[in-house]
């Protein structure tokens, strides 16, 4: 399993980095549609793992939403005079509010499942609230321009990914080594409190990198934002685990050997990206 994960990561990471740094924003936005359609099809299995019609109808609906966003808000209108387009801002705010609701659902699971487990409409709405704000946040961050560097926006996207990867990796290895206290056994039995703390500690490597590259930043703020984003990314992971457990699904898909589906790889990012974008707007724009 670990060997498969490493092999997949060897070709997947350069592909992701190439898309982030080399694709113009216009092409990046449309390439994301294809990626999120795969994730949508996987979420369709969470809605109803036995019904292809439900899965494809959700995929089609989400595809229409994403295409509409790209057409209604051209790339050159995403940021105007330092202000995020109102549609983008509204979607990100709604997404952030969704993660507050998701936290309540996760903390109260399995009792909360009585409200939505047999309701395809609610699970479809949860899927849209999970995927659309992440899509919008990715484009918003990538679109940020700077006179200092043409890759400034891409660097911000990478920064969020590094925080998430550091938190995930630290949690995995520390949890494997010394994890004993179950974090939320009803949602994800394998995750431990020690792993969570180890993941947060690992993100300090990212903080050190940020302060080395940009020493004018306020250390306390960078540490606080990094820890908060890492915690939110853990919520994204737990949320998807909750929905998969309720649907009796181990992995969202099989497209990425050793990793599962696209949704399994972006679950933490679906929470981290909208929240980080909102924080960036509040503190750095």
C-alpha atoms as a PDB file:
ATOM      1  CA  UNK A   1       0.000   0.000   0.000  1.00  0.00           C
ATOM      2  CA  UNK A   2       2.741   2.465   0.979  1.00  0.00           C
ATOM      3  CA  UNK A   3       4.700   1.561  -2.169  1.00  0.00           C
ATOM      4  CA  UNK A   4       1.657   2.312  -4.342  1.00  0.00           C
ATOM      5  CA  UNK A   5       1.140   5.643  -2.549  1.00  0.00           C
ATOM      6  CA  UNK A   6       4.749   6.632  -3.201  1.00  0.00           C
ATOM      7  CA  UNK A   7       4.647   5.622  -6.877  1.00  0.00           C
ATOM      8  CA  UNK A   8       1.419   7.570  -7.432  1.00  0.00           C
ATOM      9  CA  UNK A   9       2.843  10.592  -5.611  1.00  0.00           C
ATOM     10  CA  UNK A  10       5.978  10.535  -7.792  1.00  0.00           C
ATOM     11  CA  UNK A  11       3.961  11.259 -10.952  1.00  0.00           C
ATOM     12  CA  UNK A  12       1.061  13.131  -9.343  1.00  0.00           C
ATOM     13  CA  UNK A  13       3.044  15.841  -7.533  1.00  0.00           C
ATOM     14  CA  UNK A  14       4.917  17.087 -10.643  1.00  0.00           C
ATOM     15  CA  UNK A  15       1.614  17.105 -12.557  1.00  0.00           C
ATOM     16  CA  UNK A  16      -0.062  19.189  -9.859  1.00  0.00           C
ATOM     17  CA  UNK A  17       2.879  21.595  -9.537  1.00  0.00           C
ATOM     18  CA  UNK A  18       3.060  21.972 -13.310  1.00  0.00           C
ATOM     19  CA  UNK A  19      -0.629  22.876 -13.469  1.00  0.00           C
ATOM     20  CA  UNK A  20      -0.305  25.371 -10.627  1.00  0.00           C
ATOM     21  CA  UNK A  21       2.800  27.172 -11.883  1.00  0.00           C
ATOM     22  CA  UNK A  22       2.837  26.690 -15.653  1.00  0.00           C
ATOM     23  CA  UNK A  23      -0.801  26.808 -16.750  1.00  0.00           C
ATOM     24  CA  UNK A  24      -2.190  30.310 -17.370  1.00  0.00           C
ATOM     25  CA  UNK A  25      -5.107  31.044 -15.059  1.00  0.00           C
ATOM     26  CA  UNK A  26      -7.614  30.817 -17.915  1.00  0.00           C
ATOM     27  CA  UNK A  27      -6.577  27.240 -18.750  1.00  0.00           C
ATOM     28  CA  UNK A  28      -6.147  26.375 -15.086  1.00  0.00           C
ATOM     29  CA  UNK A  29      -9.786  27.280 -14.368  1.00  0.00           C
ATOM     30  CA  UNK A  30     -11.063  24.990 -17.124  1.00  0.00           C
ATOM     31  CA  UNK A  31      -8.687  22.161 -16.222  1.00  0.00           C
ATOM     32  CA  UNK A  32     -10.092  22.309 -12.692  1.00  0.00           C
ATOM     33  CA  UNK A  33     -13.579  21.645 -14.069  1.00  0.00           C
ATOM     34  CA  UNK A  34     -12.429  18.224 -15.291  1.00  0.00           C
ATOM     35  CA  UNK A  35     -10.798  17.384 -11.936  1.00  0.00           C
ATOM     36  CA  UNK A  36     -13.853  18.439  -9.959  1.00  0.00           C
ATOM     37  CA  UNK A  37     -16.162  16.470 -12.237  1.00  0.00           C
ATOM     38  CA  UNK A  38     -14.259  13.329 -11.223  1.00  0.00           C
ATOM     39  CA  UNK A  39     -14.634  14.342  -7.566  1.00  0.00           C
ATOM     40  CA  UNK A  40     -18.338  14.990  -8.178  1.00  0.00           C
ATOM     41  CA  UNK A  41     -18.839  11.513  -9.623  1.00  0.00           C
ATOM     42  CA  UNK A  42     -17.158  10.125  -6.510  1.00  0.00           C
ATOM     43  CA  UNK A  43     -19.420  12.206  -4.274  1.00  0.00           C
ATOM     44  CA  UNK A  44     -22.328  10.724  -6.212  1.00  0.00           C
ATOM     45  CA  UNK A  45     -21.379   7.356  -4.700  1.00  0.00           C
ATOM     46  CA  UNK A  46     -21.762   8.935  -1.261  1.00  0.00           C
ATOM     47  CA  UNK A  47     -25.251  10.055  -2.216  1.00  0.00           C
ATOM     48  CA  UNK A  48     -26.212   6.618  -3.527  1.00  0.00           C
ATOM     49  CA  UNK A  49     -23.532   4.030  -4.184  1.00  0.00           C
ATOM     50  CA  UNK A  50     -25.991   1.777  -6.026  1.00  0.00           C
ATOM     51  CA  UNK A  51     -27.594   4.275  -8.410  1.00  0.00           C
ATOM     52  CA  UNK A  52     -25.651   5.412 -11.488  1.00  0.00           C
ATOM     53  CA  UNK A  53     -28.415   7.861 -12.438  1.00  0.00           C
ATOM     54  CA  UNK A  54     -28.049   9.696  -9.117  1.00  0.00           C
ATOM     55  CA  UNK A  55     -24.270   9.774  -9.451  1.00  0.00           C
ATOM     56  CA  UNK A  56     -24.299  11.129 -12.995  1.00  0.00           C
ATOM     57  CA  UNK A  57     -27.074  13.634 -12.319  1.00  0.00           C
ATOM     58  CA  UNK A  58     -25.079  15.091  -9.432  1.00  0.00           C
ATOM     59  CA  UNK A  59     -21.971  15.188 -11.624  1.00  0.00           C
ATOM     60  CA  UNK A  60     -23.862  16.956 -14.389  1.00  0.00           C
ATOM     61  CA  UNK A  61     -25.424  19.478 -12.013  1.00  0.00           C
ATOM     62  CA  UNK A  62     -22.073  20.333 -10.450  1.00  0.00           C
ATOM     63  CA  UNK A  63     -20.483  20.583 -13.888  1.00  0.00           C
ATOM     64  CA  UNK A  64     -23.109  23.120 -14.955  1.00  0.00           C
ATOM     65  CA  UNK A  65     -22.416  25.168 -11.809  1.00  0.00           C
ATOM     66  CA  UNK A  66     -18.652  25.210 -12.373  1.00  0.00           C
ATOM     67  CA  UNK A  67     -18.955  26.063 -16.071  1.00  0.00           C
ATOM     68  CA  UNK A  68     -21.432  28.828 -15.227  1.00  0.00           C
ATOM     69  CA  UNK A  69     -18.996  30.318 -12.704  1.00  0.00           C
ATOM     70  CA  UNK A  70     -16.199  30.339 -15.292  1.00  0.00           C
ATOM     71  CA  UNK A  71     -18.441  31.987 -17.884  1.00  0.00           C
ATOM     72  CA  UNK A  72     -20.131  34.522 -15.611  1.00  0.00           C
ATOM     73  CA  UNK A  73     -16.903  35.647 -13.920  1.00  0.00           C
ATOM     74  CA  UNK A  74     -14.065  35.950 -16.469  1.00  0.00           C
ATOM     75  CA  UNK A  75     -10.577  35.540 -15.077  1.00  0.00           C
ATOM     76  CA  UNK A  76      -9.734  39.217 -15.516  1.00  0.00           C
ATOM     77  CA  UNK A  77     -12.753  40.092 -13.363  1.00  0.00           C
ATOM     78  CA  UNK A  78     -11.966  37.793 -10.429  1.00  0.00           C
ATOM     79  CA  UNK A  79      -9.973  40.582  -8.770  1.00  0.00           C
ATOM     80  CA  UNK A  80     -10.814  44.226  -9.457  1.00  0.00           C
ATOM     81  CA  UNK A  81      -8.743  46.918  -7.747  1.00  0.00           C
ATOM     82  CA  UNK A  82      -7.741  44.500  -5.038  1.00  0.00           C
ATOM     83  CA  UNK A  83     -11.315  43.381  -4.360  1.00  0.00           C
ATOM     84  CA  UNK A  84     -12.579  39.846  -4.943  1.00  0.00           C
ATOM     85  CA  UNK A  85     -15.564  39.571  -7.285  1.00  0.00           C
ATOM     86  CA  UNK A  86     -18.838  39.572  -5.240  1.00  0.00           C
ATOM     87  CA  UNK A  87     -19.898  36.172  -6.607  1.00  0.00           C
ATOM     88  CA  UNK A  88     -16.565  34.619  -5.644  1.00  0.00           C
ATOM     89  CA  UNK A  89     -16.652  36.243  -2.218  1.00  0.00           C
ATOM     90  CA  UNK A  90     -20.220  35.071  -1.601  1.00  0.00           C
ATOM     91  CA  UNK A  91     -19.367  31.479  -2.578  1.00  0.00           C
ATOM     92  CA  UNK A  92     -16.313  31.449  -0.296  1.00  0.00           C
ATOM     93  CA  UNK A  93     -18.289  32.927   2.617  1.00  0.00           C
ATOM     94  CA  UNK A  94     -21.020  30.331   2.144  1.00  0.00           C
ATOM     95  CA  UNK A  95     -18.362  27.634   1.985  1.00  0.00           C
ATOM     96  CA  UNK A  96     -16.788  28.821   5.227  1.00  0.00           C
ATOM     97  CA  UNK A  97     -20.198  28.813   6.908  1.00  0.00           C
ATOM     98  CA  UNK A  98     -20.716  25.268   5.631  1.00  0.00           C
ATOM     99  CA  UNK A  99     -17.578  24.092   7.423  1.00  0.00           C
ATOM    100  CA  UNK A 100     -18.948  25.456  10.698  1.00  0.00           C
ATOM    101  CA  UNK A 101     -22.067  23.354  10.104  1.00  0.00           C
ATOM    102  CA  UNK A 102     -19.939  20.385   9.056  1.00  0.00           C
ATOM    103  CA  UNK A 103     -18.044  20.615  12.342  1.00  0.00           C
ATOM    104  CA  UNK A 104     -21.322  20.220  14.216  1.00  0.00           C
ATOM    105  CA  UNK A 105     -22.289  17.243  12.047  1.00  0.00           C
ATOM    106  CA  UNK A 106     -18.927  15.559  12.621  1.00  0.00           C
ATOM    107  CA  UNK A 107     -18.841  16.173  16.370  1.00  0.00           C
ATOM    108  CA  UNK A 108     -22.386  14.835  16.834  1.00  0.00           C
ATOM    109  CA  UNK A 109     -22.013  11.843  14.474  1.00  0.00           C
ATOM    110  CA  UNK A 110     -23.638   9.278  14.355  1.00  0.00           C
ATOM    111  CA  UNK A 111     -26.650  11.111  15.824  1.00  0.00           C
ATOM    112  CA  UNK A 112     -26.398  13.785  13.118  1.00  0.00           C
ATOM    113  CA  UNK A 113     -26.634  11.102  10.427  1.00  0.00           C
ATOM    114  CA  UNK A 114     -30.311  10.626  11.273  1.00  0.00           C
ATOM    115  CA  UNK A 115     -30.935  14.035   9.697  1.00  0.00           C
ATOM    116  CA  UNK A 116     -29.232  13.416   6.353  1.00  0.00           C
ATOM    117  CA  UNK A 117     -28.192   9.793   5.842  1.00  0.00           C
ATOM    118  CA  UNK A 118     -31.362   8.844   3.948  1.00  0.00           C
ATOM    119  CA  UNK A 119     -31.866  12.221   2.303  1.00  0.00           C
ATOM    120  CA  UNK A 120     -30.226  12.380  -1.183  1.00  0.00           C
ATOM    121  CA  UNK A 121     -31.159  16.053  -1.556  1.00  0.00           C
ATOM    122  CA  UNK A 122     -29.260  17.061   1.578  1.00  0.00           C
ATOM    123  CA  UNK A 123     -26.234  14.949   0.650  1.00  0.00           C
ATOM    124  CA  UNK A 124     -26.236  16.537  -2.813  1.00  0.00           C
ATOM    125  CA  UNK A 125     -26.313  19.996  -1.230  1.00  0.00           C
ATOM    126  CA  UNK A 126     -23.476  19.032   1.139  1.00  0.00           C
ATOM    127  CA  UNK A 127     -21.454  17.905  -1.886  1.00  0.00           C
ATOM    128  CA  UNK A 128     -21.979  21.208  -3.660  1.00  0.00           C
ATOM    129  CA  UNK A 129     -21.061  23.149  -0.519  1.00  0.00           C
ATOM    130  CA  UNK A 130     -17.900  21.065  -0.203  1.00  0.00           C
ATOM    131  CA  UNK A 131     -16.688  21.214  -3.807  1.00  0.00           C
ATOM    132  CA  UNK A 132     -17.813  24.557  -5.294  1.00  0.00           C
ATOM    133  CA  UNK A 133     -16.166  26.870  -2.694  1.00  0.00           C
ATOM    134  CA  UNK A 134     -12.921  24.886  -3.047  1.00  0.00           C
ATOM    135  CA  UNK A 135     -13.050  25.322  -6.826  1.00  0.00           C
ATOM    136  CA  UNK A 136     -13.658  29.058  -6.483  1.00  0.00           C
ATOM    137  CA  UNK A 137     -10.944  29.494  -3.835  1.00  0.00           C
ATOM    138  CA  UNK A 138      -8.359  27.746  -6.030  1.00  0.00           C
ATOM    139  CA  UNK A 139      -9.043  30.096  -8.928  1.00  0.00           C
ATOM    140  CA  UNK A 140      -9.149  33.141  -6.639  1.00  0.00           C
ATOM    141  CA  UNK A 141      -5.745  32.386  -5.119  1.00  0.00           C
ATOM    142  CA  UNK A 142      -4.157  31.446  -8.440  1.00  0.00           C
ATOM    143  CA  UNK A 143      -5.461  34.721  -9.940  1.00  0.00           C
ATOM    144  CA  UNK A 144      -3.776  36.984  -7.392  1.00  0.00           C
ATOM    145  CA  UNK A 145      -1.094  38.974  -9.154  1.00  0.00           C
ATOM    146  CA  UNK A 146       1.924  40.703  -7.709  1.00  0.00           C
ATOM    147  CA  UNK A 147       4.562  43.043  -9.095  1.00  0.00           C
ATOM    148  CA  UNK A 148       7.121  41.074  -7.073  1.00  0.00           C
ATOM    149  CA  UNK A 149       6.530  37.715  -8.742  1.00  0.00           C
ATOM    150  CA  UNK A 150       4.340  36.435 -11.584  1.00  0.00           C
ATOM    151  CA  UNK A 151       4.014  33.219  -9.586  1.00  0.00           C
ATOM    152  CA  UNK A 152       2.691  34.878  -6.446  1.00  0.00           C
ATOM    153  CA  UNK A 153      -0.828  33.437  -6.720  1.00  0.00           C
ATOM    154  CA  UNK A 154       0.505  29.991  -7.587  1.00  0.00           C
ATOM    155  CA  UNK A 155       2.808  30.204  -4.563  1.00  0.00           C
ATOM    156  CA  UNK A 156      -0.190  30.859  -2.311  1.00  0.00           C
ATOM    157  CA  UNK A 157      -1.941  27.765  -3.676  1.00  0.00           C
ATOM    158  CA  UNK A 158       1.220  25.764  -3.050  1.00  0.00           C
ATOM    159  CA  UNK A 159       1.481  27.185   0.473  1.00  0.00           C
ATOM    160  CA  UNK A 160      -1.975  25.863   1.387  1.00  0.00           C
ATOM    161  CA  UNK A 161      -1.094  22.499  -0.119  1.00  0.00           C
ATOM    162  CA  UNK A 162       2.158  22.360   1.827  1.00  0.00           C
ATOM    163  CA  UNK A 163       0.321  23.072   5.084  1.00  0.00           C
ATOM    164  CA  UNK A 164      -2.178  20.316   4.331  1.00  0.00           C
ATOM    165  CA  UNK A 165       0.488  17.840   3.179  1.00  0.00           C
ATOM    166  CA  UNK A 166       2.633  18.562   6.239  1.00  0.00           C
ATOM    167  CA  UNK A 167      -0.337  18.128   8.580  1.00  0.00           C
ATOM    168  CA  UNK A 168      -1.469  14.922   6.849  1.00  0.00           C
ATOM    169  CA  UNK A 169       2.024  13.399   6.745  1.00  0.00           C
ATOM    170  CA  UNK A 170       2.841  14.327  10.327  1.00  0.00           C
ATOM    171  CA  UNK A 171      -0.488  12.960  11.547  1.00  0.00           C
ATOM    172  CA  UNK A 172       0.022   9.701   9.618  1.00  0.00           C
ATOM    173  CA  UNK A 173       3.547   8.931  10.785  1.00  0.00           C
ATOM    174  CA  UNK A 174       3.172  10.169  14.370  1.00  0.00           C
ATOM    175  CA  UNK A 175      -0.152   8.368  14.647  1.00  0.00           C
ATOM    176  CA  UNK A 176       1.421   5.148  13.379  1.00  0.00           C
ATOM    177  CA  UNK A 177       4.351   5.488  15.785  1.00  0.00           C
ATOM    178  CA  UNK A 178       2.781   6.569  19.056  1.00  0.00           C
ATOM    179  CA  UNK A 179      -0.932   7.084  18.440  1.00  0.00           C
ATOM    180  CA  UNK A 180      -3.085   5.643  21.218  1.00  0.00           C
ATOM    181  CA  UNK A 181      -5.869   8.118  21.997  1.00  0.00           C
ATOM    182  CA  UNK A 182      -8.633   7.882  19.406  1.00  0.00           C
ATOM    183  CA  UNK A 183      -9.583  11.284  18.022  1.00  0.00           C
ATOM    184  CA  UNK A 184     -13.109  10.527  16.787  1.00  0.00           C
ATOM    185  CA  UNK A 185     -13.549   6.747  16.631  1.00  0.00           C
ATOM    186  CA  UNK A 186     -17.144   6.932  15.408  1.00  0.00           C
ATOM    187  CA  UNK A 187     -16.022   8.923  12.363  1.00  0.00           C
ATOM    188  CA  UNK A 188     -12.511   7.651  11.634  1.00  0.00           C
ATOM    189  CA  UNK A 189     -11.170   4.925  13.960  1.00  0.00           C
ATOM    190  CA  UNK A 190      -7.594   5.182  12.655  1.00  0.00           C
ATOM    191  CA  UNK A 191      -7.071   8.844  13.551  1.00  0.00           C
ATOM    192  CA  UNK A 192      -5.544   9.678  16.924  1.00  0.00           C
ATOM    193  CA  UNK A 193      -5.072  12.767  19.060  1.00  0.00           C
ATOM    194  CA  UNK A 194      -1.315  12.182  19.038  1.00  0.00           C
ATOM    195  CA  UNK A 195      -1.397  12.106  15.245  1.00  0.00           C
ATOM    196  CA  UNK A 196      -3.284  15.409  15.122  1.00  0.00           C
ATOM    197  CA  UNK A 197      -0.751  17.074  17.444  1.00  0.00           C
ATOM    198  CA  UNK A 198       2.104  15.580  15.412  1.00  0.00           C
ATOM    199  CA  UNK A 199       0.572  16.948  12.231  1.00  0.00           C
ATOM    200  CA  UNK A 200       0.266  20.428  13.721  1.00  0.00           C
ATOM    201  CA  UNK A 201       3.881  20.271  14.865  1.00  0.00           C
ATOM    202  CA  UNK A 202       5.003  19.229  11.381  1.00  0.00           C
ATOM    203  CA  UNK A 203       3.392  22.326   9.856  1.00  0.00           C
ATOM    204  CA  UNK A 204       5.955  24.436  11.721  1.00  0.00           C
ATOM    205  CA  UNK A 205       8.382  23.369   8.980  1.00  0.00           C
ATOM    206  CA  UNK A 206       6.164  25.306   6.568  1.00  0.00           C
ATOM    207  CA  UNK A 207       6.163  28.279   8.941  1.00  0.00           C
ATOM    208  CA  UNK A 208       9.964  28.216   9.001  1.00  0.00           C
ATOM    209  CA  UNK A 209      10.025  28.202   5.201  1.00  0.00           C
ATOM    210  CA  UNK A 210       7.625  31.142   4.989  1.00  0.00           C
ATOM    211  CA  UNK A 211       9.648  33.185   7.474  1.00  0.00           C
ATOM    212  CA  UNK A 212      12.880  32.380   5.618  1.00  0.00           C
ATOM    213  CA  UNK A 213      11.464  33.478   2.260  1.00  0.00           C
ATOM    214  CA  UNK A 214       9.465  36.402   3.631  1.00  0.00           C
ATOM    215  CA  UNK A 215      11.063  37.518   6.939  1.00  0.00           C
ATOM    216  CA  UNK A 216       8.965  40.698   7.081  1.00  0.00           C
ATOM    217  CA  UNK A 217       5.897  38.621   8.008  1.00  0.00           C
ATOM    218  CA  UNK A 218       4.649  38.656  11.585  1.00  0.00           C
ATOM    219  CA  UNK A 219       5.693  35.310  13.061  1.00  0.00           C
ATOM    220  CA  UNK A 220       2.769  35.022  15.475  1.00  0.00           C
ATOM    221  CA  UNK A 221       0.239  35.629  12.714  1.00  0.00           C
ATOM    222  CA  UNK A 222       1.877  33.119  10.382  1.00  0.00           C
ATOM    223  CA  UNK A 223       1.953  30.466  13.121  1.00  0.00           C
ATOM    224  CA  UNK A 224      -1.687  31.114  14.104  1.00  0.00           C
ATOM    225  CA  UNK A 225      -2.945  31.006  10.513  1.00  0.00           C
ATOM    226  CA  UNK A 226      -0.951  27.871   9.737  1.00  0.00           C
ATOM    227  CA  UNK A 227      -2.268  25.999  12.783  1.00  0.00           C
ATOM    228  CA  UNK A 228      -5.840  27.120  12.116  1.00  0.00           C
ATOM    229  CA  UNK A 229      -5.708  26.094   8.455  1.00  0.00           C
ATOM    230  CA  UNK A 230      -4.206  22.738   9.459  1.00  0.00           C
ATOM    231  CA  UNK A 231      -7.042  22.177  11.936  1.00  0.00           C
ATOM    232  CA  UNK A 232      -9.619  23.102   9.310  1.00  0.00           C
ATOM    233  CA  UNK A 233      -7.960  20.703   6.865  1.00  0.00           C
ATOM    234  CA  UNK A 234      -8.366  17.939   9.471  1.00  0.00           C
ATOM    235  CA  UNK A 235     -12.071  18.803   9.592  1.00  0.00           C
ATOM    236  CA  UNK A 236     -12.272  18.369   5.816  1.00  0.00           C
ATOM    237  CA  UNK A 237     -10.725  14.924   6.153  1.00  0.00           C
ATOM    238  CA  UNK A 238     -13.045  13.941   9.000  1.00  0.00           C
ATOM    239  CA  UNK A 239     -16.091  15.253   7.173  1.00  0.00           C
ATOM    240  CA  UNK A 240     -15.446  13.111   4.116  1.00  0.00           C
ATOM    241  CA  UNK A 241     -14.709  10.127   6.373  1.00  0.00           C
ATOM    242  CA  UNK A 242     -18.068  10.682   8.057  1.00  0.00           C
ATOM    243  CA  UNK A 243     -19.973  10.722   4.775  1.00  0.00           C
ATOM    244  CA  UNK A 244     -18.108   7.684   3.452  1.00  0.00           C
ATOM    245  CA  UNK A 245     -18.734   5.766   6.682  1.00  0.00           C
ATOM    246  CA  UNK A 246     -22.442   6.538   6.505  1.00  0.00           C
ATOM    247  CA  UNK A 247     -22.448   5.325   2.886  1.00  0.00           C
ATOM    248  CA  UNK A 248     -20.384   2.206   3.786  1.00  0.00           C
ATOM    249  CA  UNK A 249     -17.605   3.258   1.380  1.00  0.00           C
ATOM    250  CA  UNK A 250     -13.912   2.820   2.196  1.00  0.00           C
ATOM    251  CA  UNK A 251     -12.442   4.943  -0.628  1.00  0.00           C
ATOM    252  CA  UNK A 252     -14.259   7.491  -2.771  1.00  0.00           C
ATOM    253  CA  UNK A 253     -12.731   5.969  -5.920  1.00  0.00           C
ATOM    254  CA  UNK A 254      -9.859   3.988  -7.401  1.00  0.00           C
ATOM    255  CA  UNK A 255      -8.394   6.403  -9.938  1.00  0.00           C
ATOM    256  CA  UNK A 256      -5.273   7.040  -7.821  1.00  0.00           C
ATOM    257  CA  UNK A 257      -3.628   3.725  -6.833  1.00  0.00           C
ATOM    258  CA  UNK A 258      -2.732   3.681  -3.162  1.00  0.00           C
ATOM    259  CA  UNK A 259      -4.617   6.916  -2.539  1.00  0.00           C
ATOM    260  CA  UNK A 260      -8.169   6.069  -3.538  1.00  0.00           C
ATOM    261  CA  UNK A 261     -10.124   8.676  -5.459  1.00  0.00           C
ATOM    262  CA  UNK A 262      -9.674  12.361  -6.254  1.00  0.00           C
ATOM    263  CA  UNK A 263     -12.022  13.187  -3.400  1.00  0.00           C
ATOM    264  CA  UNK A 264      -9.789  11.256  -1.022  1.00  0.00           C
ATOM    265  CA  UNK A 265      -6.841  13.446  -2.062  1.00  0.00           C
ATOM    266  CA  UNK A 266      -8.603  16.807  -1.909  1.00  0.00           C
ATOM    267  CA  UNK A 267     -10.823  16.255   1.138  1.00  0.00           C
ATOM    268  CA  UNK A 268      -8.542  18.312   3.404  1.00  0.00           C
ATOM    269  CA  UNK A 269      -8.112  20.984   0.730  1.00  0.00           C
ATOM    270  CA  UNK A 270     -11.865  21.415   0.285  1.00  0.00           C
ATOM    271  CA  UNK A 271     -11.942  22.926   3.778  1.00  0.00           C
ATOM    272  CA  UNK A 272      -8.497  24.539   3.910  1.00  0.00           C
ATOM    273  CA  UNK A 273      -8.628  26.510   0.641  1.00  0.00           C
ATOM    274  CA  UNK A 274     -11.822  28.566   1.193  1.00  0.00           C
ATOM    275  CA  UNK A 275     -10.879  29.322   4.794  1.00  0.00           C
ATOM    276  CA  UNK A 276      -7.312  30.329   3.887  1.00  0.00           C
ATOM    277  CA  UNK A 277      -8.592  32.550   1.055  1.00  0.00           C
ATOM    278  CA  UNK A 278     -10.911  34.374   3.452  1.00  0.00           C
ATOM    279  CA  UNK A 279      -8.098  34.795   5.988  1.00  0.00           C
ATOM    280  CA  UNK A 280      -5.764  36.089   3.268  1.00  0.00           C
ATOM    281  CA  UNK A 281      -8.347  38.675   2.214  1.00  0.00           C
ATOM    282  CA  UNK A 282      -8.797  39.777   5.841  1.00  0.00           C
ATOM    283  CA  UNK A 283      -5.117  40.076   6.785  1.00  0.00           C
ATOM    284  CA  UNK A 284      -3.028  40.532   3.636  1.00  0.00           C
ATOM    285  CA  UNK A 285      -5.106  42.200   0.923  1.00  0.00           C
END
